[in-house]
C-alpha atoms as a PDB file:
ATOM      1  CA  UNK A   1       3.326  -2.319  28.659  1.00  0.00           C
ATOM      2  CA  UNK A   2       6.275  -2.849  25.947  1.00  0.00           C
ATOM      3  CA  UNK A   3       4.921  -3.903  22.551  1.00  0.00           C
ATOM      4  CA  UNK A   4       6.917  -5.643  19.816  1.00  0.00           C
ATOM      5  CA  UNK A   5       6.334  -7.020  16.367  1.00  0.00           C
ATOM      6  CA  UNK A   6       8.530  -8.762  13.817  1.00  0.00           C
ATOM      7  CA  UNK A   7       7.857  -8.344  10.157  1.00  0.00           C
ATOM      8  CA  UNK A   8       7.685 -11.577   7.687  1.00  0.00           C
ATOM      9  CA  UNK A   9      11.147 -11.736   6.281  1.00  0.00           C
ATOM     10  CA  UNK A  10      11.722 -12.793   2.697  1.00  0.00           C
ATOM     11  CA  UNK A  11      15.121 -13.155   1.113  1.00  0.00           C
ATOM     12  CA  UNK A  12      15.899 -12.059  -2.685  1.00  0.00           C
ATOM     13  CA  UNK A  13      18.183 -10.373  -5.085  1.00  0.00           C
ATOM     14  CA  UNK A  14      20.556  -7.668  -3.792  1.00  0.00           C
ATOM     15  CA  UNK A  15      19.586  -4.010  -3.823  1.00  0.00           C
ATOM     16  CA  UNK A  16      22.304  -1.405  -2.999  1.00  0.00           C
ATOM     17  CA  UNK A  17      21.165   2.017  -3.805  1.00  0.00           C
ATOM     18  CA  UNK A  18      20.243   5.445  -2.400  1.00  0.00           C
ATOM     19  CA  UNK A  19      21.956   7.055   0.811  1.00  0.00           C
ATOM     20  CA  UNK A  20      24.239   5.027   2.564  1.00  0.00           C
ATOM     21  CA  UNK A  21      25.101   4.878   6.197  1.00  0.00           C
ATOM     22  CA  UNK A  22      28.935   4.793   6.946  1.00  0.00           C
ATOM     23  CA  UNK A  23      30.683   2.912   9.920  1.00  0.00           C
ATOM     24  CA  UNK A  24      33.771   4.481  11.560  1.00  0.00           C
ATOM     25  CA  UNK A  25      36.835   2.807  10.415  1.00  0.00           C
ATOM     26  CA  UNK A  26      37.677   1.822  13.995  1.00  0.00           C
ATOM     27  CA  UNK A  27      35.038  -0.954  13.834  1.00  0.00           C
ATOM     28  CA  UNK A  28      37.331  -3.077  11.347  1.00  0.00           C
ATOM     29  CA  UNK A  29      40.421  -2.552  13.471  1.00  0.00           C
ATOM     30  CA  UNK A  30      38.683  -3.633  16.741  1.00  0.00           C
ATOM     31  CA  UNK A  31      36.653  -6.695  15.300  1.00  0.00           C
ATOM     32  CA  UNK A  32      38.377  -7.652  11.956  1.00  0.00           C
ATOM     33  CA  UNK A  33      34.968  -7.369  10.201  1.00  0.00           C
ATOM     34  CA  UNK A  34      34.296  -4.338   8.001  1.00  0.00           C
ATOM     35  CA  UNK A  35      30.753  -3.129   7.172  1.00  0.00           C
ATOM     36  CA  UNK A  36      31.356  -1.088   4.143  1.00  0.00           C
ATOM     37  CA  UNK A  37      27.934  -0.188   3.028  1.00  0.00           C
ATOM     38  CA  UNK A  38      24.340  -0.212   4.424  1.00  0.00           C
ATOM     39  CA  UNK A  39      21.351   0.917   2.436  1.00  0.00           C
ATOM     40  CA  UNK A  40      17.759   1.022   4.127  1.00  0.00           C
ATOM     41  CA  UNK A  41      14.910   1.261   1.652  1.00  0.00           C
ATOM     42  CA  UNK A  42      17.041   2.382  -1.019  1.00  0.00           C
ATOM     43  CA  UNK A  43      17.882   5.354   1.061  1.00  0.00           C
ATOM     44  CA  UNK A  44      14.405   6.850   1.403  1.00  0.00           C
ATOM     45  CA  UNK A  45      12.106   7.148   4.341  1.00  0.00           C
ATOM     46  CA  UNK A  46       9.946   4.144   5.310  1.00  0.00           C
ATOM     47  CA  UNK A  47       6.509   5.212   5.303  1.00  0.00           C
ATOM     48  CA  UNK A  48       3.572   3.263   6.707  1.00  0.00           C
ATOM     49  CA  UNK A  49      -0.044   4.085   5.995  1.00  0.00           C
ATOM     50  CA  UNK A  50      -2.789   2.179   7.686  1.00  0.00           C
ATOM     51  CA  UNK A  51      -2.515  -1.100   5.727  1.00  0.00           C
ATOM     52  CA  UNK A  52      -0.430  -3.986   6.331  1.00  0.00           C
ATOM     53  CA  UNK A  53       0.877  -4.252   2.656  1.00  0.00           C
ATOM     54  CA  UNK A  54       4.174  -2.402   3.240  1.00  0.00           C
ATOM     55  CA  UNK A  55       7.666  -3.790   2.771  1.00  0.00           C
ATOM     56  CA  UNK A  56      11.292  -2.437   2.888  1.00  0.00           C
ATOM     57  CA  UNK A  57      14.874  -3.803   2.403  1.00  0.00           C
ATOM     58  CA  UNK A  58      17.965  -3.658   4.336  1.00  0.00           C
ATOM     59  CA  UNK A  59      21.244  -4.174   2.320  1.00  0.00           C
ATOM     60  CA  UNK A  60      24.650  -4.626   3.523  1.00  0.00           C
ATOM     61  CA  UNK A  61      28.197  -5.229   1.916  1.00  0.00           C
ATOM     62  CA  UNK A  62      30.519  -6.713   4.467  1.00  0.00           C
ATOM     63  CA  UNK A  63      34.007  -7.996   4.337  1.00  0.00           C
ATOM     64  CA  UNK A  64      36.616  -9.921   6.414  1.00  0.00           C
ATOM     65  CA  UNK A  65      39.859 -11.367   5.266  1.00  0.00           C
ATOM     66  CA  UNK A  66      38.356 -14.984   5.970  1.00  0.00           C
ATOM     67  CA  UNK A  67      35.076 -14.310   4.248  1.00  0.00           C
ATOM     68  CA  UNK A  68      31.688 -13.935   5.794  1.00  0.00           C
ATOM     69  CA  UNK A  69      29.863 -17.113   7.178  1.00  0.00           C
ATOM     70  CA  UNK A  70      26.636 -17.485   5.275  1.00  0.00           C
ATOM     71  CA  UNK A  71      24.662 -18.531   8.499  1.00  0.00           C
ATOM     72  CA  UNK A  72      26.081 -16.151  10.879  1.00  0.00           C
ATOM     73  CA  UNK A  73      24.289 -12.745   9.793  1.00  0.00           C
ATOM     74  CA  UNK A  74      21.469 -10.726  11.567  1.00  0.00           C
ATOM     75  CA  UNK A  75      19.764  -7.585  10.716  1.00  0.00           C
ATOM     76  CA  UNK A  76      17.453  -5.331  12.693  1.00  0.00           C
ATOM     77  CA  UNK A  77      15.415  -2.054  12.614  1.00  0.00           C
ATOM     78  CA  UNK A  78      13.982  -1.114  15.878  1.00  0.00           C
ATOM     79  CA  UNK A  79      12.988   1.772  18.060  1.00  0.00           C
ATOM     80  CA  UNK A  80      12.029   2.249  21.896  1.00  0.00           C
ATOM     81  CA  UNK A  81      10.282   5.150  23.303  1.00  0.00           C
ATOM     82  CA  UNK A  82       9.014   5.061  26.815  1.00  0.00           C
ATOM     83  CA  UNK A  83       7.233   1.830  27.272  1.00  0.00           C
ATOM     84  CA  UNK A  84       6.596   1.182  23.541  1.00  0.00           C
ATOM     85  CA  UNK A  85       9.071  -0.867  21.488  1.00  0.00           C
ATOM     86  CA  UNK A  86       8.994  -2.344  18.178  1.00  0.00           C
ATOM     87  CA  UNK A  87      11.234  -4.461  16.075  1.00  0.00           C
ATOM     88  CA  UNK A  88      11.814  -5.901  12.464  1.00  0.00           C
ATOM     89  CA  UNK A  89      14.435  -8.231  12.098  1.00  0.00           C
ATOM     90  CA  UNK A  90      15.746 -11.411  10.631  1.00  0.00           C
ATOM     91  CA  UNK A  91      18.504 -13.355   8.985  1.00  0.00           C
ATOM     92  CA  UNK A  92      19.521 -11.942   5.573  1.00  0.00           C
ATOM     93  CA  UNK A  93      20.356 -13.701   2.458  1.00  0.00           C
ATOM     94  CA  UNK A  94      24.041 -13.189   1.772  1.00  0.00           C
ATOM     95  CA  UNK A  95      25.925 -13.965  -1.444  1.00  0.00           C
ATOM     96  CA  UNK A  96      29.838 -13.854  -1.573  1.00  0.00           C
ATOM     97  CA  UNK A  97      30.978 -11.543  -4.324  1.00  0.00           C
ATOM     98  CA  UNK A  98      34.805 -12.498  -3.530  1.00  0.00           C
ATOM     99  CA  UNK A  99      36.669 -14.416  -1.066  1.00  0.00           C
ATOM    100  CA  UNK A 100      36.431 -11.751   1.497  1.00  0.00           C
ATOM    101  CA  UNK A 101      33.275  -9.756   0.802  1.00  0.00           C
ATOM    102  CA  UNK A 102      29.439 -10.705   0.748  1.00  0.00           C
ATOM    103  CA  UNK A 103      26.419  -8.804  -0.234  1.00  0.00           C
ATOM    104  CA  UNK A 104      23.590  -9.357   2.234  1.00  0.00           C
ATOM    105  CA  UNK A 105      19.822  -8.248   1.917  1.00  0.00           C
ATOM    106  CA  UNK A 106      16.950  -8.490   4.108  1.00  0.00           C
ATOM    107  CA  UNK A 107      13.492  -7.788   3.057  1.00  0.00           C
ATOM    108  CA  UNK A 108      10.566  -7.101   5.587  1.00  0.00           C
ATOM    109  CA  UNK A 109       7.124  -7.520   4.263  1.00  0.00           C
ATOM    110  CA  UNK A 110       3.977  -6.669   6.576  1.00  0.00           C
ATOM    111  CA  UNK A 111       0.999  -9.203   6.360  1.00  0.00           C
ATOM    112  CA  UNK A 112      -2.489  -9.018   7.417  1.00  0.00           C
ATOM    113  CA  UNK A 113      -1.629 -10.473  10.862  1.00  0.00           C
ATOM    114  CA  UNK A 114       1.341  -8.202  11.778  1.00  0.00           C
ATOM    115  CA  UNK A 115       0.319  -4.893  13.466  1.00  0.00           C
ATOM    116  CA  UNK A 116       1.729  -1.583  12.677  1.00  0.00           C
ATOM    117  CA  UNK A 117       4.078   0.330  15.275  1.00  0.00           C
ATOM    118  CA  UNK A 118       2.394   2.716  17.570  1.00  0.00           C
ATOM    119  CA  UNK A 119       2.387   6.432  16.745  1.00  0.00           C
ATOM    120  CA  UNK A 120       4.670   7.098  19.568  1.00  0.00           C
ATOM    121  CA  UNK A 121       7.406   5.280  17.565  1.00  0.00           C
ATOM    122  CA  UNK A 122       7.543   7.352  14.402  1.00  0.00           C
ATOM    123  CA  UNK A 123      10.971   8.869  13.858  1.00  0.00           C
ATOM    124  CA  UNK A 124      14.526   7.713  13.777  1.00  0.00           C
ATOM    125  CA  UNK A 125      14.954   3.848  14.006  1.00  0.00           C
ATOM    126  CA  UNK A 126      18.135   2.174  14.984  1.00  0.00           C
ATOM    127  CA  UNK A 127      19.792  -0.125  12.395  1.00  0.00           C
ATOM    128  CA  UNK A 128      21.503  -2.778  13.966  1.00  0.00           C
ATOM    129  CA  UNK A 129      23.980  -5.034  12.147  1.00  0.00           C
ATOM    130  CA  UNK A 130      25.433  -8.477  13.156  1.00  0.00           C
ATOM    131  CA  UNK A 131      27.975 -10.476  11.158  1.00  0.00           C
ATOM    132  CA  UNK A 132      30.420 -13.136  12.133  1.00  0.00           C
ATOM    133  CA  UNK A 133      33.309 -14.235   9.830  1.00  0.00           C
ATOM    134  CA  UNK A 134      34.570 -17.641   8.944  1.00  0.00           C
ATOM    135  CA  UNK A 135      37.657 -17.206  11.375  1.00  0.00           C
ATOM    136  CA  UNK A 136      35.253 -16.088  14.248  1.00  0.00           C
ATOM    137  CA  UNK A 137      35.675 -12.359  13.845  1.00  0.00           C
ATOM    138  CA  UNK A 138      32.596 -10.658  14.807  1.00  0.00           C
ATOM    139  CA  UNK A 139      30.727  -7.363  14.453  1.00  0.00           C
ATOM    140  CA  UNK A 140      27.572  -6.461  16.249  1.00  0.00           C
ATOM    141  CA  UNK A 141      26.165  -3.071  17.105  1.00  0.00           C
ATOM    142  CA  UNK A 142      23.821  -0.285  16.119  1.00  0.00           C
ATOM    143  CA  UNK A 143      25.317   0.991  12.701  1.00  0.00           C
ATOM    144  CA  UNK A 144      23.125   4.144  12.350  1.00  0.00           C
ATOM    145  CA  UNK A 145      19.351   5.391  12.247  1.00  0.00           C
ATOM    146  CA  UNK A 146      16.687   5.567   9.511  1.00  0.00           C
ATOM    147  CA  UNK A 147      13.448   7.474   9.358  1.00  0.00           C
ATOM    148  CA  UNK A 148      10.199   5.540   9.785  1.00  0.00           C
ATOM    149  CA  UNK A 149       7.113   8.000   9.113  1.00  0.00           C
ATOM    150  CA  UNK A 150       3.462   8.142   9.009  1.00  0.00           C
ATOM    151  CA  UNK A 151       1.866   8.285   5.703  1.00  0.00           C
ATOM    152  CA  UNK A 152       0.198  11.883   4.941  1.00  0.00           C
ATOM    153  CA  UNK A 153      -2.706  12.582   2.539  1.00  0.00           C
ATOM    154  CA  UNK A 154      -3.575  15.920   1.151  1.00  0.00           C
ATOM    155  CA  UNK A 155      -6.512  17.093  -1.200  1.00  0.00           C
ATOM    156  CA  UNK A 156      -7.263  20.215  -2.955  1.00  0.00           C
ATOM    157  CA  UNK A 157     -10.342  22.011  -4.369  1.00  0.00           C
ATOM    158  CA  UNK A 158     -10.209  25.615  -6.058  1.00  0.00           C
ATOM    159  CA  UNK A 159     -13.301  27.389  -6.953  1.00  0.00           C
ATOM    160  CA  UNK A 160     -15.148  28.701  -8.653  1.00  0.00           C
ATOM    161  CA  UNK A 161     -14.396  27.247 -11.927  1.00  0.00           C
ATOM    162  CA  UNK A 162     -14.357  29.061 -14.482  1.00  0.00           C
ATOM    163  CA  UNK A 163     -13.631  32.444 -12.637  1.00  0.00           C
ATOM    164  CA  UNK A 164     -13.584  36.021 -13.954  1.00  0.00           C
ATOM    165  CA  UNK A 165     -10.279  37.503 -14.098  1.00  0.00           C
ATOM    166  CA  UNK A 166      -9.391  39.703 -11.211  1.00  0.00           C
ATOM    167  CA  UNK A 167     -12.044  37.809  -8.924  1.00  0.00           C
ATOM    168  CA  UNK A 168     -11.172  35.884  -6.015  1.00  0.00           C
ATOM    169  CA  UNK A 169     -10.551  31.970  -6.000  1.00  0.00           C
ATOM    170  CA  UNK A 170     -11.055  30.019  -2.843  1.00  0.00           C
ATOM    171  CA  UNK A 171      -8.787  27.061  -2.250  1.00  0.00           C
ATOM    172  CA  UNK A 172      -9.539  24.474   0.219  1.00  0.00           C
ATOM    173  CA  UNK A 173      -7.960  21.313   1.546  1.00  0.00           C
ATOM    174  CA  UNK A 174      -7.336  18.804   4.196  1.00  0.00           C
ATOM    175  CA  UNK A 175      -4.005  17.500   5.578  1.00  0.00           C
ATOM    176  CA  UNK A 176      -4.406  14.100   7.292  1.00  0.00           C
ATOM    177  CA  UNK A 177      -1.856  11.395   8.322  1.00  0.00           C
ATOM    178  CA  UNK A 178      -2.078   7.673   9.320  1.00  0.00           C
ATOM    179  CA  UNK A 179      -2.921   6.975  13.051  1.00  0.00           C
ATOM    180  CA  UNK A 180      -1.144   3.653  13.561  1.00  0.00           C
ATOM    181  CA  UNK A 181      -3.073   3.298  16.823  1.00  0.00           C
ATOM    182  CA  UNK A 182      -6.479   3.173  15.286  1.00  0.00           C
ATOM    183  CA  UNK A 183      -5.871   2.326  11.532  1.00  0.00           C
ATOM    184  CA  UNK A 184      -7.457   5.781  10.133  1.00  0.00           C
ATOM    185  CA  UNK A 185      -6.263   8.794   8.928  1.00  0.00           C
ATOM    186  CA  UNK A 186      -6.855  11.858  11.097  1.00  0.00           C
ATOM    187  CA  UNK A 187      -6.410  15.420  10.382  1.00  0.00           C
ATOM    188  CA  UNK A 188      -2.780  16.898  11.152  1.00  0.00           C
ATOM    189  CA  UNK A 189      -3.273  19.995  12.882  1.00  0.00           C
ATOM    190  CA  UNK A 190      -1.108  23.351  13.035  1.00  0.00           C
ATOM    191  CA  UNK A 191       1.166  22.370  10.292  1.00  0.00           C
ATOM    192  CA  UNK A 192       2.530  24.949   7.684  1.00  0.00           C
ATOM    193  CA  UNK A 193       1.236  23.923   4.048  1.00  0.00           C
ATOM    194  CA  UNK A 194       2.430  25.898   0.927  1.00  0.00           C
ATOM    195  CA  UNK A 195      -0.327  26.924  -1.612  1.00  0.00           C
ATOM    196  CA  UNK A 196       1.433  26.554  -4.957  1.00  0.00           C
ATOM    197  CA  UNK A 197       0.439  27.671  -8.512  1.00  0.00           C
ATOM    198  CA  UNK A 198       1.553  26.429 -11.905  1.00  0.00           C
ATOM    199  CA  UNK A 199       0.480  28.549 -14.965  1.00  0.00           C
ATOM    200  CA  UNK A 200      -0.874  26.658 -17.869  1.00  0.00           C
ATOM    201  CA  UNK A 201       1.707  25.432 -20.196  1.00  0.00           C
ATOM    202  CA  UNK A 202       4.458  25.433 -17.456  1.00  0.00           C
ATOM    203  CA  UNK A 203       5.725  22.401 -15.653  1.00  0.00           C
ATOM    204  CA  UNK A 204       6.917  24.543 -12.560  1.00  0.00           C
ATOM    205  CA  UNK A 205       4.972  25.388  -9.324  1.00  0.00           C
ATOM    206  CA  UNK A 206       5.812  28.480  -7.447  1.00  0.00           C
ATOM    207  CA  UNK A 207       4.747  29.083  -3.843  1.00  0.00           C
ATOM    208  CA  UNK A 208       2.120  31.724  -3.386  1.00  0.00           C
ATOM    209  CA  UNK A 209       1.662  31.589   0.531  1.00  0.00           C
ATOM    210  CA  UNK A 210       1.873  29.327   3.425  1.00  0.00           C
ATOM    211  CA  UNK A 211      -1.431  28.416   5.495  1.00  0.00           C
ATOM    212  CA  UNK A 212      -1.513  26.435   8.692  1.00  0.00           C
ATOM    213  CA  UNK A 213      -3.705  23.494   8.974  1.00  0.00           C
ATOM    214  CA  UNK A 214      -6.805  24.234  11.516  1.00  0.00           C
ATOM    215  CA  UNK A 215      -7.856  22.048  14.519  1.00  0.00           C
ATOM    216  CA  UNK A 216      -9.216  19.310  12.207  1.00  0.00           C
ATOM    217  CA  UNK A 217      -6.403  19.563   9.378  1.00  0.00           C
ATOM    218  CA  UNK A 218      -8.315  21.461   7.236  1.00  0.00           C
ATOM    219  CA  UNK A 219      -6.943  24.357   4.784  1.00  0.00           C
ATOM    220  CA  UNK A 220      -8.621  27.398   3.291  1.00  0.00           C
ATOM    221  CA  UNK A 221      -7.541  30.514   1.756  1.00  0.00           C
ATOM    222  CA  UNK A 222      -8.213  33.186  -0.970  1.00  0.00           C
ATOM    223  CA  UNK A 223      -6.260  34.277  -4.045  1.00  0.00           C
ATOM    224  CA  UNK A 224      -6.894  36.596  -6.897  1.00  0.00           C
ATOM    225  CA  UNK A 225      -7.494  35.039 -10.286  1.00  0.00           C
ATOM    226  CA  UNK A 226      -4.945  36.316 -12.836  1.00  0.00           C
ATOM    227  CA  UNK A 227      -4.492  33.573 -15.511  1.00  0.00           C
ATOM    228  CA  UNK A 228      -5.230  29.796 -16.259  1.00  0.00           C
ATOM    229  CA  UNK A 229      -3.479  27.233 -14.084  1.00  0.00           C
ATOM    230  CA  UNK A 230      -3.183  24.702 -11.433  1.00  0.00           C
ATOM    231  CA  UNK A 231      -3.536  25.033  -7.683  1.00  0.00           C
ATOM    232  CA  UNK A 232      -2.104  22.701  -5.110  1.00  0.00           C
ATOM    233  CA  UNK A 233      -1.221  22.259  -1.631  1.00  0.00           C
ATOM    234  CA  UNK A 234       2.403  21.062  -0.675  1.00  0.00           C
ATOM    235  CA  UNK A 235       3.324  19.768   2.738  1.00  0.00           C
ATOM    236  CA  UNK A 236       7.269  19.455   3.377  1.00  0.00           C
ATOM    237  CA  UNK A 237       6.763  16.909   6.189  1.00  0.00           C
ATOM    238  CA  UNK A 238       8.107  16.461   9.491  1.00  0.00           C
ATOM    239  CA  UNK A 239      10.359  14.129  11.457  1.00  0.00           C
ATOM    240  CA  UNK A 240       7.363  11.773  12.043  1.00  0.00           C
ATOM    241  CA  UNK A 241       5.297  12.423   9.001  1.00  0.00           C
ATOM    242  CA  UNK A 242       6.048  11.917   5.072  1.00  0.00           C
ATOM    243  CA  UNK A 243       5.891  14.827   2.678  1.00  0.00           C
ATOM    244  CA  UNK A 244       2.861  14.760   0.374  1.00  0.00           C
ATOM    245  CA  UNK A 245       1.801  17.231  -2.542  1.00  0.00           C
ATOM    246  CA  UNK A 246      -1.770  17.228  -3.741  1.00  0.00           C
ATOM    247  CA  UNK A 247      -2.644  16.721  -7.359  1.00  0.00           C
ATOM    248  CA  UNK A 248      -3.096  20.272  -9.176  1.00  0.00           C
ATOM    249  CA  UNK A 249      -6.806  21.574  -9.551  1.00  0.00           C
ATOM    250  CA  UNK A 250      -7.071  23.402 -12.750  1.00  0.00           C
ATOM    251  CA  UNK A 251      -8.799  26.848 -12.882  1.00  0.00           C
ATOM    252  CA  UNK A 252      -9.975  28.501 -16.120  1.00  0.00           C
ATOM    253  CA  UNK A 253      -9.726  32.356 -15.795  1.00  0.00           C
ATOM    254  CA  UNK A 254     -11.922  34.082 -18.328  1.00  0.00           C
END
């Protein structure tokens, strides 16, 4: 069964920042409409947890020698994998910045009655852009992709506190990620997570070792106490799951 949802759409001020998708110049030659810039979520991955309070924007700069029609624009972010399909889309708010160029923005905001995508749909989503100029020139097609990821959580506990210099410290934690199918956070298994240390008085963490999360997402290792400082776990993320760093846990070494 195909499942789909449309986010609530609100229009507002233009945002153009972060990394930009670039369209081939051939598009302008073929259609007359030039997509100059596209920015999704200000260039950052879209990350959904288990709540329905998330939002993101798609911002586009588009031009044509006749100008862009205000009511002829459409933007969409979607993904299909197997039988699962999800789509967020709507008509953006466009403002003419010159006689030929318009800046357009679509804001998608989830609400309590809008479900999250299925777990299988985490990954790269297609960015579909559609515009029509005042003289009838038209552009419509998949402009590029943008990552949509599951939010991760990561905790840390280093003990004993305090500890005698030269003795062992046990550092534990758990890596979990949002399960969009069940609206819970579940352990993320078999993932490499870096154990990092920051000495007291320093602002820089250094990696001490890498530990794989177990069958429930838990992390556990031992290190030797040498000096006061903060211990944390650092997960780099994957194509489907966002990166996350635990807040450092201070250990007093005596």
